[in-house]
Amino acid sequence: MRISEQIKILCVRANISTAELARRLGQSPQNLNAKLKRESFTVAELEKIAEAVDAKFERNFILSNGDKVKGDA
C-alpha cells in the first residue's frame, strides 16, 4: 500500500479530512495534496502527521529471519 493511501485511511479513521490534516500541519491543503500525489514525504513529516492525529508512526526493516532493524522513531 502506498503511503498516500495510508495517510488517507489514517484521516478516515481519525475522522478528519485531508484539508484538516493540512491545517494541523500548518500547511495549505493544496500543498498536502501535491505531496500525496508525488508520494514525497520524509520520515520527519510522517512522524508529524502521526502526531497531528494522536497516532504513532513506526518504521523498520524486517529481515527474512524475523529480526527487525528499527529506525530512531
Protein backbone atom coordinates (compact mmCIF):
# COMPACT_ATOMS: atom_id res chain seq x y z
CA MET A 1 0.00 0.00 0.00
CA ARG A 2 1.35 3.40 -0.94
CA ILE A 3 2.00 5.99 1.76
CA SER A 4 -0.62 8.35 0.30
CA GLU A 5 -3.24 5.62 0.65
CA GLN A 6 -2.15 5.02 4.24
CA ILE A 7 -2.46 8.73 5.05
CA LYS A 8 -5.95 8.89 3.53
CA ILE A 9 -7.01 5.85 5.59
CA LEU A 10 -5.47 7.48 8.66
CA CYS A 11 -7.61 10.57 8.05
CA VAL A 12 -10.77 8.48 7.69
CA ARG A 13 -10.05 6.59 10.90
CA ALA A 14 -9.19 9.84 12.72
CA ASN A 15 -12.45 11.31 11.38
CA ILE A 16 -10.78 14.31 9.71
CA SER A 17 -10.39 15.47 6.13
CA THR A 18 -7.03 15.79 4.40
CA ALA A 19 -7.68 19.55 4.43
CA GLU A 20 -7.97 19.44 8.23
CA LEU A 21 -4.79 17.39 8.42
CA ALA A 22 -3.02 20.03 6.32
CA ARG A 23 -4.23 22.77 8.67
CA ARG A 24 -2.98 20.79 11.68
CA LEU A 25 0.40 20.51 9.95
CA GLY A 26 0.49 24.26 9.27
CA GLN A 27 0.33 23.94 5.50
CA SER A 28 -2.20 24.51 2.77
CA PRO A 29 -4.47 21.69 1.62
CA GLN A 30 -3.09 22.22 -1.90
CA ASN A 31 0.46 21.61 -0.67
CA LEU A 32 -0.53 18.42 1.17
CA ASN A 33 -2.47 17.15 -1.85
CA ALA A 34 0.56 17.76 -4.08
CA LYS A 35 2.77 15.80 -1.66
CA LEU A 36 0.21 12.98 -1.60
CA LYS A 37 0.29 12.81 -5.41
CA ARG A 38 4.10 12.85 -5.51
CA GLU A 39 4.46 10.40 -2.60
CA SER A 40 7.19 12.70 -1.28
CA PHE A 41 7.25 12.50 2.50
CA THR A 42 10.25 12.42 4.77
CA VAL A 43 10.25 10.30 7.90
CA ALA A 44 10.08 13.51 9.96
CA GLU A 45 6.96 14.59 8.04
CA LEU A 46 5.32 11.21 8.60
CA GLU A 47 6.04 11.50 12.31
CA LYS A 48 4.40 14.95 12.34
CA ILE A 49 1.36 13.56 10.52
CA ALA A 50 1.03 10.85 13.15
CA GLU A 51 1.38 13.39 15.95
CA ALA A 52 -1.31 15.60 14.34
CA VAL A 53 -3.86 12.79 14.71
CA ASP A 54 -2.57 11.47 18.04
CA ALA A 55 -1.08 8.35 16.48
CA LYS A 56 2.35 6.75 16.40
CA PHE A 57 4.46 6.26 13.27
CA GLU A 58 6.85 3.32 13.28
CA ARG A 59 9.42 2.41 10.69
CA ASN A 60 11.67 -0.61 10.49
CA PHE A 61 13.12 -3.26 8.24
CA ILE A 62 12.22 -6.88 8.89
CA LEU A 63 14.78 -9.47 7.82
CA SER A 64 13.73 -12.85 6.46
CA ASN A 65 14.55 -14.41 9.84
CA GLY A 66 12.11 -12.02 11.54
CA ASP A 67 14.70 -9.71 13.07
CA LYS A 68 13.76 -6.02 12.95
CA VAL A 69 16.07 -3.12 12.24
CA LYS A 70 14.22 -0.20 13.77
CA GLY A 71 14.57 3.47 12.99
CA ASP A 72 15.08 6.17 15.58
CA ALA A 73 11.35 6.97 15.68
